[in-house]
Amino acid sequence: METSLSTRWSIVHGAAAGDAEAARVFAETYLGIVRAYLLKRWRGRSEIVGVDDALQEVFLDFFRAGGALGRVDAGRPGGFRTFLFGVVHKVALRHEERAARERARAAATPAGEQASPERDQASRIFDRTWALELLQRAHARLEAEAAGDADAQRRLEILRLRFREDLPIREIAVLVGLEAVRAHREFARAREEFKAALRAEVARTVATRGEDPERECRFLLELLG
Protein backbone atom coordinates (compact mmCIF):
# COMPACT_ATOMS: atom_id res chain seq x y z
CA MET A 1 0.00 0.00 0.00
CA GLU A 2 1.28 3.47 -0.82
CA THR A 3 2.15 5.68 2.12
CA SER A 4 2.29 9.17 0.61
CA LEU A 5 0.45 11.93 2.46
CA SER A 6 -2.02 12.37 -0.41
CA THR A 7 -2.75 8.62 -0.41
CA ARG A 8 -3.38 8.58 3.34
CA TRP A 9 -5.72 11.55 3.08
CA SER A 10 -7.56 9.91 0.20
CA ILE A 11 -8.20 6.96 2.55
CA VAL A 12 -9.49 9.25 5.32
CA HIS A 13 -11.73 11.22 2.97
CA GLY A 14 -12.86 8.08 1.16
CA ALA A 15 -13.82 6.40 4.43
CA ALA A 16 -15.69 9.54 5.51
CA ALA A 17 -17.57 9.51 2.20
CA GLY A 18 -18.61 5.87 2.61
CA ASP A 19 -16.08 4.17 0.32
CA ALA A 20 -15.97 0.55 1.49
CA GLU A 21 -12.33 -0.14 0.54
CA ALA A 22 -11.09 3.07 2.18
CA ALA A 23 -13.07 2.19 5.32
CA ARG A 24 -11.52 -1.30 5.34
CA VAL A 25 -7.98 0.08 5.10
CA PHE A 26 -8.70 2.70 7.77
CA ALA A 27 -10.12 0.09 10.16
CA GLU A 28 -7.22 -2.31 9.45
CA THR A 29 -4.75 0.46 10.35
CA TYR A 30 -6.31 1.62 13.63
CA LEU A 31 -8.51 -1.16 15.03
CA GLY A 32 -5.63 -2.97 16.77
CA ILE A 33 -4.48 0.22 18.50
CA VAL A 34 -7.98 1.09 19.72
CA ARG A 35 -8.67 -2.43 20.98
CA ALA A 36 -5.34 -2.65 22.85
CA TYR A 37 -6.02 0.73 24.49
CA LEU A 38 -9.51 -0.24 25.67
CA LEU A 39 -8.21 -3.52 27.09
CA LYS A 40 -5.58 -1.61 29.10
CA ARG A 41 -8.04 1.09 30.18
CA TRP A 42 -10.54 -1.47 31.46
CA ARG A 43 -8.19 -4.06 32.88
CA GLY A 44 -9.78 -5.60 35.97
CA ARG A 45 -13.11 -3.83 35.45
CA SER A 46 -16.55 -5.02 34.42
CA GLU A 47 -16.49 -2.89 31.24
CA ILE A 48 -13.97 -5.38 29.83
CA VAL A 49 -16.89 -7.50 28.66
CA GLY A 50 -17.96 -4.63 26.42
CA VAL A 51 -14.73 -4.04 24.51
CA ASP A 52 -16.16 -5.34 21.25
CA ASP A 53 -19.26 -3.17 21.67
CA ALA A 54 -17.08 -0.12 22.33
CA LEU A 55 -14.93 -0.90 19.30
CA GLN A 56 -18.03 -1.02 17.16
CA GLU A 57 -19.18 2.32 18.59
CA VAL A 58 -15.82 3.94 17.80
CA PHE A 59 -15.83 2.91 14.16
CA LEU A 60 -19.53 3.66 13.73
CA ASP A 61 -18.71 7.14 15.04
CA PHE A 62 -15.97 7.43 12.41
CA PHE A 63 -17.96 6.15 9.46
CA ARG A 64 -21.54 7.36 10.00
CA ALA A 65 -22.83 10.31 8.00
CA GLY A 66 -21.60 13.48 9.70
CA GLY A 67 -19.29 11.37 11.89
CA ALA A 68 -15.84 11.98 13.29
CA LEU A 69 -13.91 11.49 10.04
CA GLY A 70 -15.84 14.31 8.46
CA ARG A 71 -14.66 16.61 11.27
CA VAL A 72 -10.95 15.76 11.29
CA ASP A 73 -8.74 18.82 10.85
CA ALA A 74 -5.62 18.13 8.79
CA GLY A 75 -3.65 20.81 10.63
CA ARG A 76 -4.82 20.21 14.19
CA PRO A 77 -2.21 20.42 16.99
CA GLY A 78 -1.11 17.05 18.29
CA GLY A 79 -1.65 15.28 14.99
CA PHE A 80 -3.89 12.37 14.13
CA ARG A 81 -2.93 10.47 17.28
CA THR A 82 -4.56 13.18 19.44
CA PHE A 83 -7.65 13.25 17.22
CA LEU A 84 -8.02 9.46 17.44
CA PHE A 85 -7.63 9.52 21.23
CA GLY A 86 -10.34 12.17 21.54
CA VAL A 87 -12.86 10.05 19.63
CA VAL A 88 -12.01 6.84 21.53
CA HIS A 89 -12.00 8.61 24.91
CA LYS A 90 -15.52 9.97 24.37
CA VAL A 91 -16.85 6.55 23.39
CA ALA A 92 -15.14 4.94 26.39
CA LEU A 93 -16.69 7.50 28.74
CA ARG A 94 -20.16 6.83 27.29
CA HIS A 95 -19.58 3.11 27.76
CA GLU A 96 -18.43 3.58 31.36
CA GLU A 97 -21.40 5.82 32.17
CA ARG A 98 -23.83 3.20 30.84
CA ALA A 99 -22.08 0.49 32.87
CA ALA A 100 -22.28 2.67 36.00
CA ARG A 101 -26.01 3.24 35.49
CA GLU A 102 -26.58 -0.48 35.07
CA ARG A 103 -24.65 -1.21 38.28
CA ALA A 104 -26.65 1.45 40.11
CA ARG A 105 -29.90 -0.10 38.95
CA ALA A 106 -28.70 -3.48 40.13
CA ALA A 107 -27.63 -1.82 43.43
CA ALA A 108 -24.62 -4.11 43.61
CA THR A 109 -21.31 -2.57 42.61
CA PRO A 110 -18.70 -5.37 42.35
CA ALA A 111 -15.76 -5.17 44.74
CA GLY A 112 -12.55 -3.85 43.26
CA GLU A 113 -14.20 -1.50 40.70
CA GLN A 114 -12.04 1.49 39.83
CA ALA A 115 -13.07 5.00 38.85
CA SER A 116 -12.78 5.99 35.20
CA PRO A 117 -9.28 7.28 34.46
CA GLU A 118 -8.93 11.06 34.24
CA ARG A 119 -8.39 12.40 30.73
CA ASP A 120 -4.65 13.05 31.24
CA GLN A 121 -4.09 9.55 32.61
CA ALA A 122 -6.22 8.05 29.84
CA SER A 123 -4.23 10.01 27.26
CA ARG A 124 -0.96 8.63 28.64
CA ILE A 125 -2.34 5.08 28.47
CA PHE A 126 -3.43 5.67 24.88
CA ASP A 127 -0.08 7.18 23.86
CA ARG A 128 1.86 4.21 25.28
CA THR A 129 -0.51 1.81 23.54
CA TRP A 130 -0.01 3.70 20.28
CA ALA A 131 3.77 3.61 20.73
CA LEU A 132 3.89 -0.12 21.51
CA GLU A 133 1.70 -0.95 18.52
CA LEU A 134 3.85 1.04 16.08
CA LEU A 135 7.09 -0.40 17.47
CA GLN A 136 5.66 -3.92 17.14
CA ARG A 137 4.61 -3.15 13.56
CA ALA A 138 8.09 -1.82 12.80
CA HIS A 139 9.65 -5.01 14.19
CA ALA A 140 7.26 -7.16 12.17
CA ARG A 141 8.20 -5.17 9.06
CA LEU A 142 11.89 -5.86 9.73
CA GLU A 143 11.21 -9.56 10.29
CA ALA A 144 9.39 -9.77 6.96
CA GLU A 145 12.21 -7.96 5.19
CA ALA A 146 14.82 -10.22 6.84
CA ALA A 147 13.19 -13.45 5.68
CA GLY A 148 15.79 -15.55 3.87
CA ASP A 149 18.63 -13.13 4.69
CA ALA A 150 20.93 -14.59 7.36
CA ASP A 151 22.81 -11.31 7.92
CA ALA A 152 19.58 -9.33 8.38
CA GLN A 153 18.24 -11.95 10.77
CA ARG A 154 21.46 -11.74 12.78
CA ARG A 155 21.06 -7.96 13.02
CA LEU A 156 17.54 -8.49 14.36
CA GLU A 157 18.96 -10.86 16.96
CA ILE A 158 21.56 -8.25 17.92
CA LEU A 159 18.76 -5.73 18.46
CA ARG A 160 16.82 -8.21 20.58
CA LEU A 161 19.83 -9.06 22.75
CA ARG A 162 20.73 -5.40 23.20
CA PHE A 163 17.30 -3.94 23.96
CA ARG A 164 15.28 -6.85 25.35
CA GLU A 165 18.04 -8.71 27.17
CA ASP A 166 20.06 -5.54 27.94
CA LEU A 167 23.35 -7.24 27.08
CA PRO A 168 26.47 -5.23 26.22
CA ILE A 169 27.76 -5.46 22.65
CA ARG A 170 30.91 -7.34 23.73
CA GLU A 171 28.77 -10.20 25.07
CA ILE A 172 26.44 -10.07 22.09
CA ALA A 173 29.45 -10.40 19.77
CA VAL A 174 30.34 -13.72 21.36
CA LEU A 175 26.77 -14.98 21.20
CA VAL A 176 26.33 -14.19 17.49
CA GLY A 177 29.85 -15.22 16.49
CA LEU A 178 31.26 -11.84 15.45
CA GLU A 179 34.32 -9.82 16.34
CA ALA A 180 33.47 -6.95 18.67
CA VAL A 181 34.24 -4.25 16.07
CA ARG A 182 31.97 -5.84 13.49
CA ALA A 183 29.25 -6.43 16.09
CA HIS A 184 29.27 -2.70 16.83
CA ARG A 185 28.93 -1.93 13.11
CA GLU A 186 26.10 -4.42 12.71
CA PHE A 187 24.34 -2.98 15.76
CA ALA A 188 24.59 0.54 14.32
CA ARG A 189 23.20 -0.70 11.01
CA ALA A 190 20.40 -2.58 12.77
CA ARG A 191 19.38 0.56 14.64
CA GLU A 192 19.20 2.53 11.39
CA GLU A 193 17.12 -0.23 9.79
CA PHE A 194 14.76 -0.21 12.75
CA LYS A 195 14.42 3.58 12.62
CA ALA A 196 13.63 3.35 8.91
CA ALA A 197 10.97 0.71 9.59
CA LEU A 198 9.49 2.83 12.36
CA ARG A 199 9.42 5.91 10.11
CA ALA A 200 7.60 3.83 7.50
CA GLU A 201 4.99 2.76 10.07
CA VAL A 202 4.58 6.33 11.28
CA ALA A 203 4.11 7.45 7.68
CA ARG A 204 1.50 4.73 7.18
CA THR A 205 -0.37 5.47 10.41
CA VAL A 206 -0.15 9.23 10.97
CA ALA A 207 -2.42 11.11 8.61
CA THR A 208 -2.04 14.77 9.50
CA ARG A 209 -0.50 17.48 7.35
CA GLY A 210 2.57 19.03 8.89
CA GLU A 211 3.26 15.97 11.05
CA ASP A 212 7.01 15.46 11.38
CA PRO A 213 7.80 11.71 11.16
CA GLU A 214 11.16 12.17 12.89
CA ARG A 215 9.57 14.02 15.80
CA GLU A 216 6.84 11.39 16.08
CA CYS A 217 9.48 8.61 16.11
CA ARG A 218 11.38 10.37 18.91
CA PHE A 219 8.12 10.79 20.83
CA LEU A 220 7.34 7.08 20.53
CA LEU A 221 10.78 6.00 21.67
CA GLU A 222 10.80 8.44 24.59
CA LEU A 223 7.41 7.15 25.76
CA LEU A 224 8.81 3.66 26.13
CA GLY A 225 12.29 4.65 27.22
C-alpha atoms as a PDB file:
ATOM      1  CA  MET A   1       0.000   0.000   0.000  1.00  0.00           C
ATOM      2  CA  GLU A   2       1.279   3.467  -0.819  1.00  0.00           C
ATOM      3  CA  THR A   3       2.152   5.681   2.116  1.00  0.00           C
ATOM      4  CA  SER A   4       2.293   9.167   0.612  1.00  0.00           C
ATOM      5  CA  LEU A   5       0.454  11.925   2.458  1.00  0.00           C
ATOM      6  CA  SER A   6      -2.019  12.365  -0.405  1.00  0.00           C
ATOM      7  CA  THR A   7      -2.751   8.624  -0.412  1.00  0.00           C
ATOM      8  CA  ARG A   8      -3.379   8.577   3.345  1.00  0.00           C
ATOM      9  CA  TRP A   9      -5.724  11.545   3.080  1.00  0.00           C
ATOM     10  CA  SER A  10      -7.558   9.910   0.195  1.00  0.00           C
ATOM     11  CA  ILE A  11      -8.201   6.965   2.547  1.00  0.00           C
ATOM     12  CA  VAL A  12      -9.487   9.249   5.320  1.00  0.00           C
ATOM     13  CA  HIS A  13     -11.727  11.221   2.974  1.00  0.00           C
ATOM     14  CA  GLY A  14     -12.858   8.085   1.159  1.00  0.00           C
ATOM     15  CA  ALA A  15     -13.818   6.399   4.429  1.00  0.00           C
ATOM     16  CA  ALA A  16     -15.685   9.536   5.514  1.00  0.00           C
ATOM     17  CA  ALA A  17     -17.569   9.507   2.196  1.00  0.00           C
ATOM     18  CA  GLY A  18     -18.614   5.867   2.609  1.00  0.00           C
ATOM     19  CA  ASP A  19     -16.077   4.174   0.325  1.00  0.00           C
ATOM     20  CA  ALA A  20     -15.971   0.546   1.491  1.00  0.00           C
ATOM     21  CA  GLU A  21     -12.332  -0.144   0.540  1.00  0.00           C
ATOM     22  CA  ALA A  22     -11.092   3.065   2.184  1.00  0.00           C
ATOM     23  CA  ALA A  23     -13.073   2.190   5.318  1.00  0.00           C
ATOM     24  CA  ARG A  24     -11.523  -1.301   5.338  1.00  0.00           C
ATOM     25  CA  VAL A  25      -7.981   0.077   5.102  1.00  0.00           C
ATOM     26  CA  PHE A  26      -8.697   2.699   7.773  1.00  0.00           C
ATOM     27  CA  ALA A  27     -10.119   0.086  10.165  1.00  0.00           C
ATOM     28  CA  GLU A  28      -7.224  -2.306   9.454  1.00  0.00           C
ATOM     29  CA  THR A  29      -4.753   0.458  10.351  1.00  0.00           C
ATOM     30  CA  TYR A  30      -6.307   1.623  13.625  1.00  0.00           C
ATOM     31  CA  LEU A  31      -8.511  -1.157  15.028  1.00  0.00           C
ATOM     32  CA  GLY A  32      -5.631  -2.966  16.771  1.00  0.00           C
ATOM     33  CA  ILE A  33      -4.484   0.225  18.498  1.00  0.00           C
ATOM     34  CA  VAL A  34      -7.980   1.092  19.725  1.00  0.00           C
ATOM     35  CA  ARG A  35      -8.670  -2.431  20.975  1.00  0.00           C
ATOM     36  CA  ALA A  36      -5.345  -2.646  22.850  1.00  0.00           C
ATOM     37  CA  TYR A  37      -6.019   0.728  24.493  1.00  0.00           C
ATOM     38  CA  LEU A  38      -9.511  -0.243  25.667  1.00  0.00           C
ATOM     39  CA  LEU A  39      -8.210  -3.519  27.092  1.00  0.00           C
ATOM     40  CA  LYS A  40      -5.583  -1.607  29.101  1.00  0.00           C
ATOM     41  CA  ARG A  41      -8.040   1.093  30.180  1.00  0.00           C
ATOM     42  CA  TRP A  42     -10.543  -1.466  31.463  1.00  0.00           C
ATOM     43  CA  ARG A  43      -8.186  -4.062  32.879  1.00  0.00           C
ATOM     44  CA  GLY A  44      -9.778  -5.599  35.967  1.00  0.00           C
ATOM     45  CA  ARG A  45     -13.111  -3.833  35.448  1.00  0.00           C
ATOM     46  CA  SER A  46     -16.549  -5.016  34.422  1.00  0.00           C
ATOM     47  CA  GLU A  47     -16.488  -2.887  31.241  1.00  0.00           C
ATOM     48  CA  ILE A  48     -13.971  -5.377  29.827  1.00  0.00           C
ATOM     49  CA  VAL A  49     -16.894  -7.497  28.662  1.00  0.00           C
ATOM     50  CA  GLY A  50     -17.962  -4.627  26.417  1.00  0.00           C
ATOM     51  CA  VAL A  51     -14.731  -4.043  24.513  1.00  0.00           C
ATOM     52  CA  ASP A  52     -16.158  -5.335  21.253  1.00  0.00           C
ATOM     53  CA  ASP A  53     -19.263  -3.169  21.671  1.00  0.00           C
ATOM     54  CA  ALA A  54     -17.078  -0.122  22.335  1.00  0.00           C
ATOM     55  CA  LEU A  55     -14.933  -0.898  19.301  1.00  0.00           C
ATOM     56  CA  GLN A  56     -18.034  -1.024  17.157  1.00  0.00           C
ATOM     57  CA  GLU A  57     -19.183   2.322  18.587  1.00  0.00           C
ATOM     58  CA  VAL A  58     -15.823   3.939  17.800  1.00  0.00           C
ATOM     59  CA  PHE A  59     -15.830   2.906  14.162  1.00  0.00           C
ATOM     60  CA  LEU A  60     -19.525   3.664  13.727  1.00  0.00           C
ATOM     61  CA  ASP A  61     -18.706   7.139  15.038  1.00  0.00           C
ATOM     62  CA  PHE A  62     -15.968   7.426  12.413  1.00  0.00           C
ATOM     63  CA  PHE A  63     -17.965   6.150   9.460  1.00  0.00           C
ATOM     64  CA  ARG A  64     -21.538   7.359  10.002  1.00  0.00           C
ATOM     65  CA  ALA A  65     -22.825  10.311   7.998  1.00  0.00           C
ATOM     66  CA  GLY A  66     -21.598  13.479   9.698  1.00  0.00           C
ATOM     67  CA  GLY A  67     -19.295  11.375  11.888  1.00  0.00           C
ATOM     68  CA  ALA A  68     -15.841  11.983  13.290  1.00  0.00           C
ATOM     69  CA  LEU A  69     -13.905  11.487  10.040  1.00  0.00           C
ATOM     70  CA  GLY A  70     -15.839  14.309   8.464  1.00  0.00           C
ATOM     71  CA  ARG A  71     -14.659  16.614  11.267  1.00  0.00           C
ATOM     72  CA  VAL A  72     -10.952  15.762  11.288  1.00  0.00           C
ATOM     73  CA  ASP A  73      -8.735  18.822  10.852  1.00  0.00           C
ATOM     74  CA  ALA A  74      -5.619  18.129   8.791  1.00  0.00           C
ATOM     75  CA  GLY A  75      -3.646  20.815  10.630  1.00  0.00           C
ATOM     76  CA  ARG A  76      -4.820  20.208  14.195  1.00  0.00           C
ATOM     77  CA  PRO A  77      -2.215  20.422  16.992  1.00  0.00           C
ATOM     78  CA  GLY A  78      -1.113  17.049  18.289  1.00  0.00           C
ATOM     79  CA  GLY A  79      -1.650  15.279  14.993  1.00  0.00           C
ATOM     80  CA  PHE A  80      -3.891  12.373  14.126  1.00  0.00           C
ATOM     81  CA  ARG A  81      -2.935  10.466  17.284  1.00  0.00           C
ATOM     82  CA  THR A  82      -4.557  13.183  19.435  1.00  0.00           C
ATOM     83  CA  PHE A  83      -7.645  13.252  17.220  1.00  0.00           C
ATOM     84  CA  LEU A  84      -8.020   9.462  17.441  1.00  0.00           C
ATOM     85  CA  PHE A  85      -7.630   9.518  21.226  1.00  0.00           C
ATOM     86  CA  GLY A  86     -10.339  12.172  21.540  1.00  0.00           C
ATOM     87  CA  VAL A  87     -12.858  10.050  19.633  1.00  0.00           C
ATOM     88  CA  VAL A  88     -12.007   6.844  21.530  1.00  0.00           C
ATOM     89  CA  HIS A  89     -12.005   8.607  24.908  1.00  0.00           C
ATOM     90  CA  LYS A  90     -15.522   9.974  24.368  1.00  0.00           C
ATOM     91  CA  VAL A  91     -16.846   6.553  23.386  1.00  0.00           C
ATOM     92  CA  ALA A  92     -15.137   4.941  26.386  1.00  0.00           C
ATOM     93  CA  LEU A  93     -16.689   7.498  28.740  1.00  0.00           C
ATOM     94  CA  ARG A  94     -20.155   6.827  27.295  1.00  0.00           C
ATOM     95  CA  HIS A  95     -19.581   3.107  27.755  1.00  0.00           C
ATOM     96  CA  GLU A  96     -18.431   3.583  31.361  1.00  0.00           C
ATOM     97  CA  GLU A  97     -21.396   5.820  32.170  1.00  0.00           C
ATOM     98  CA  ARG A  98     -23.829   3.197  30.836  1.00  0.00           C
ATOM     99  CA  ALA A  99     -22.081   0.490  32.866  1.00  0.00           C
ATOM    100  CA  ALA A 100     -22.279   2.667  35.999  1.00  0.00           C
ATOM    101  CA  ARG A 101     -26.005   3.244  35.490  1.00  0.00           C
ATOM    102  CA  GLU A 102     -26.579  -0.482  35.073  1.00  0.00           C
ATOM    103  CA  ARG A 103     -24.646  -1.209  38.280  1.00  0.00           C
ATOM    104  CA  ALA A 104     -26.647   1.448  40.106  1.00  0.00           C
ATOM    105  CA  ARG A 105     -29.902  -0.098  38.946  1.00  0.00           C
ATOM    106  CA  ALA A 106     -28.701  -3.475  40.134  1.00  0.00           C
ATOM    107  CA  ALA A 107     -27.629  -1.819  43.431  1.00  0.00           C
ATOM    108  CA  ALA A 108     -24.625  -4.108  43.611  1.00  0.00           C
ATOM    109  CA  THR A 109     -21.314  -2.573  42.611  1.00  0.00           C
ATOM    110  CA  PRO A 110     -18.695  -5.375  42.352  1.00  0.00           C
ATOM    111  CA  ALA A 111     -15.756  -5.171  44.744  1.00  0.00           C
ATOM    112  CA  GLY A 112     -12.553  -3.852  43.256  1.00  0.00           C
ATOM    113  CA  GLU A 113     -14.200  -1.502  40.704  1.00  0.00           C
ATOM    114  CA  GLN A 114     -12.042   1.490  39.828  1.00  0.00           C
ATOM    115  CA  ALA A 115     -13.071   5.001  38.848  1.00  0.00           C
ATOM    116  CA  SER A 116     -12.783   5.986  35.202  1.00  0.00           C
ATOM    117  CA  PRO A 117      -9.278   7.283  34.463  1.00  0.00           C
ATOM    118  CA  GLU A 118      -8.932  11.061  34.237  1.00  0.00           C
ATOM    119  CA  ARG A 119      -8.390  12.397  30.727  1.00  0.00           C
ATOM    120  CA  ASP A 120      -4.646  13.052  31.243  1.00  0.00           C
ATOM    121  CA  GLN A 121      -4.088   9.555  32.609  1.00  0.00           C
ATOM    122  CA  ALA A 122      -6.216   8.050  29.837  1.00  0.00           C
ATOM    123  CA  SER A 123      -4.226  10.011  27.255  1.00  0.00           C
ATOM    124  CA  ARG A 124      -0.959   8.632  28.640  1.00  0.00           C
ATOM    125  CA  ILE A 125      -2.342   5.078  28.469  1.00  0.00           C
ATOM    126  CA  PHE A 126      -3.431   5.671  24.883  1.00  0.00           C
ATOM    127  CA  ASP A 127      -0.076   7.183  23.861  1.00  0.00           C
ATOM    128  CA  ARG A 128       1.857   4.214  25.279  1.00  0.00           C
ATOM    129  CA  THR A 129      -0.515   1.807  23.540  1.00  0.00           C
ATOM    130  CA  TRP A 130      -0.006   3.699  20.277  1.00  0.00           C
ATOM    131  CA  ALA A 131       3.771   3.609  20.734  1.00  0.00           C
ATOM    132  CA  LEU A 132       3.889  -0.121  21.510  1.00  0.00           C
ATOM    133  CA  GLU A 133       1.699  -0.948  18.521  1.00  0.00           C
ATOM    134  CA  LEU A 134       3.846   1.041  16.081  1.00  0.00           C
ATOM    135  CA  LEU A 135       7.085  -0.405  17.472  1.00  0.00           C
ATOM    136  CA  GLN A 136       5.661  -3.919  17.138  1.00  0.00           C
ATOM    137  CA  ARG A 137       4.606  -3.155  13.565  1.00  0.00           C
ATOM    138  CA  ALA A 138       8.093  -1.823  12.801  1.00  0.00           C
ATOM    139  CA  HIS A 139       9.652  -5.008  14.194  1.00  0.00           C
ATOM    140  CA  ALA A 140       7.260  -7.160  12.169  1.00  0.00           C
ATOM    141  CA  ARG A 141       8.196  -5.170   9.064  1.00  0.00           C
ATOM    142  CA  LEU A 142      11.888  -5.855   9.725  1.00  0.00           C
ATOM    143  CA  GLU A 143      11.213  -9.556  10.291  1.00  0.00           C
ATOM    144  CA  ALA A 144       9.388  -9.775   6.962  1.00  0.00           C
ATOM    145  CA  GLU A 145      12.212  -7.957   5.187  1.00  0.00           C
ATOM    146  CA  ALA A 146      14.825 -10.216   6.839  1.00  0.00           C
ATOM    147  CA  ALA A 147      13.194 -13.449   5.683  1.00  0.00           C
ATOM    148  CA  GLY A 148      15.791 -15.554   3.869  1.00  0.00           C
ATOM    149  CA  ASP A 149      18.630 -13.131   4.692  1.00  0.00           C
ATOM    150  CA  ALA A 150      20.926 -14.585   7.362  1.00  0.00           C
ATOM    151  CA  ASP A 151      22.809 -11.309   7.919  1.00  0.00           C
ATOM    152  CA  ALA A 152      19.585  -9.331   8.375  1.00  0.00           C
ATOM    153  CA  GLN A 153      18.243 -11.955  10.773  1.00  0.00           C
ATOM    154  CA  ARG A 154      21.458 -11.740  12.778  1.00  0.00           C
ATOM    155  CA  ARG A 155      21.058  -7.961  13.017  1.00  0.00           C
ATOM    156  CA  LEU A 156      17.541  -8.495  14.358  1.00  0.00           C
ATOM    157  CA  GLU A 157      18.961 -10.863  16.959  1.00  0.00           C
ATOM    158  CA  ILE A 158      21.562  -8.254  17.920  1.00  0.00           C
ATOM    159  CA  LEU A 159      18.761  -5.725  18.464  1.00  0.00           C
ATOM    160  CA  ARG A 160      16.822  -8.210  20.577  1.00  0.00           C
ATOM    161  CA  LEU A 161      19.830  -9.060  22.748  1.00  0.00           C
ATOM    162  CA  ARG A 162      20.729  -5.403  23.198  1.00  0.00           C
ATOM    163  CA  PHE A 163      17.303  -3.940  23.964  1.00  0.00           C
ATOM    164  CA  ARG A 164      15.275  -6.851  25.355  1.00  0.00           C
ATOM    165  CA  GLU A 165      18.039  -8.706  27.166  1.00  0.00           C
ATOM    166  CA  ASP A 166      20.058  -5.542  27.936  1.00  0.00           C
ATOM    167  CA  LEU A 167      23.353  -7.240  27.079  1.00  0.00           C
ATOM    168  CA  PRO A 168      26.472  -5.233  26.218  1.00  0.00           C
ATOM    169  CA  ILE A 169      27.764  -5.459  22.646  1.00  0.00           C
ATOM    170  CA  ARG A 170      30.912  -7.337  23.726  1.00  0.00           C
ATOM    171  CA  GLU A 171      28.769 -10.200  25.069  1.00  0.00           C
ATOM    172  CA  ILE A 172      26.440 -10.073  22.092  1.00  0.00           C
ATOM    173  CA  ALA A 173      29.450 -10.396  19.768  1.00  0.00           C
ATOM    174  CA  VAL A 174      30.344 -13.722  21.365  1.00  0.00           C
ATOM    175  CA  LEU A 175      26.770 -14.982  21.203  1.00  0.00           C
ATOM    176  CA  VAL A 176      26.330 -14.190  17.494  1.00  0.00           C
ATOM    177  CA  GLY A 177      29.852 -15.218  16.494  1.00  0.00           C
ATOM    178  CA  LEU A 178      31.263 -11.843  15.446  1.00  0.00           C
ATOM    179  CA  GLU A 179      34.324  -9.820  16.340  1.00  0.00           C
ATOM    180  CA  ALA A 180      33.465  -6.951  18.665  1.00  0.00           C
ATOM    181  CA  VAL A 181      34.238  -4.248  16.073  1.00  0.00           C
ATOM    182  CA  ARG A 182      31.965  -5.843  13.495  1.00  0.00           C
ATOM    183  CA  ALA A 183      29.246  -6.427  16.094  1.00  0.00           C
ATOM    184  CA  HIS A 184      29.272  -2.696  16.832  1.00  0.00           C
ATOM    185  CA  ARG A 185      28.932  -1.934  13.108  1.00  0.00           C
ATOM    186  CA  GLU A 186      26.104  -4.424  12.713  1.00  0.00           C
ATOM    187  CA  PHE A 187      24.342  -2.975  15.761  1.00  0.00           C
ATOM    188  CA  ALA A 188      24.587   0.536  14.319  1.00  0.00           C
ATOM    189  CA  ARG A 189      23.199  -0.704  11.010  1.00  0.00           C
ATOM    190  CA  ALA A 190      20.397  -2.585  12.766  1.00  0.00           C
ATOM    191  CA  ARG A 191      19.385   0.564  14.635  1.00  0.00           C
ATOM    192  CA  GLU A 192      19.204   2.530  11.395  1.00  0.00           C
ATOM    193  CA  GLU A 193      17.122  -0.226   9.794  1.00  0.00           C
ATOM    194  CA  PHE A 194      14.759  -0.207  12.750  1.00  0.00           C
ATOM    195  CA  LYS A 195      14.420   3.581  12.621  1.00  0.00           C
ATOM    196  CA  ALA A 196      13.628   3.352   8.909  1.00  0.00           C
ATOM    197  CA  ALA A 197      10.972   0.709   9.589  1.00  0.00           C
ATOM    198  CA  LEU A 198       9.490   2.834  12.359  1.00  0.00           C
ATOM    199  CA  ARG A 199       9.419   5.910  10.109  1.00  0.00           C
ATOM    200  CA  ALA A 200       7.596   3.831   7.504  1.00  0.00           C
ATOM    201  CA  GLU A 201       4.990   2.756  10.066  1.00  0.00           C
ATOM    202  CA  VAL A 202       4.578   6.327  11.282  1.00  0.00           C
ATOM    203  CA  ALA A 203       4.109   7.448   7.677  1.00  0.00           C
ATOM    204  CA  ARG A 204       1.496   4.731   7.178  1.00  0.00           C
ATOM    205  CA  THR A 205      -0.371   5.470  10.405  1.00  0.00           C
ATOM    206  CA  VAL A 206      -0.153   9.229  10.968  1.00  0.00           C
ATOM    207  CA  ALA A 207      -2.415  11.114   8.612  1.00  0.00           C
ATOM    208  CA  THR A 208      -2.044  14.768   9.497  1.00  0.00           C
ATOM    209  CA  ARG A 209      -0.504  17.476   7.352  1.00  0.00           C
ATOM    210  CA  GLY A 210       2.565  19.027   8.886  1.00  0.00           C
ATOM    211  CA  GLU A 211       3.257  15.973  11.045  1.00  0.00           C
ATOM    212  CA  ASP A 212       7.013  15.464  11.378  1.00  0.00           C
ATOM    213  CA  PRO A 213       7.798  11.715  11.162  1.00  0.00           C
ATOM    214  CA  GLU A 214      11.157  12.174  12.885  1.00  0.00           C
ATOM    215  CA  ARG A 215       9.567  14.019  15.795  1.00  0.00           C
ATOM    216  CA  GLU A 216       6.845  11.387  16.085  1.00  0.00           C
ATOM    217  CA  CYS A 217       9.481   8.606  16.114  1.00  0.00           C
ATOM    218  CA  ARG A 218      11.376  10.371  18.906  1.00  0.00           C
ATOM    219  CA  PHE A 219       8.122  10.793  20.831  1.00  0.00           C
ATOM    220  CA  LEU A 220       7.342   7.077  20.527  1.00  0.00           C
ATOM    221  CA  LEU A 221      10.781   6.003  21.672  1.00  0.00           C
ATOM    222  CA  GLU A 222      10.804   8.440  24.587  1.00  0.00           C
ATOM    223  CA  LEU A 223       7.405   7.154  25.759  1.00  0.00           C
ATOM    224  CA  LEU A 224       8.814   3.658  26.127  1.00  0.00           C
ATOM    225  CA  GLY A 225      12.292   4.651  27.225  1.00  0.00           C
END
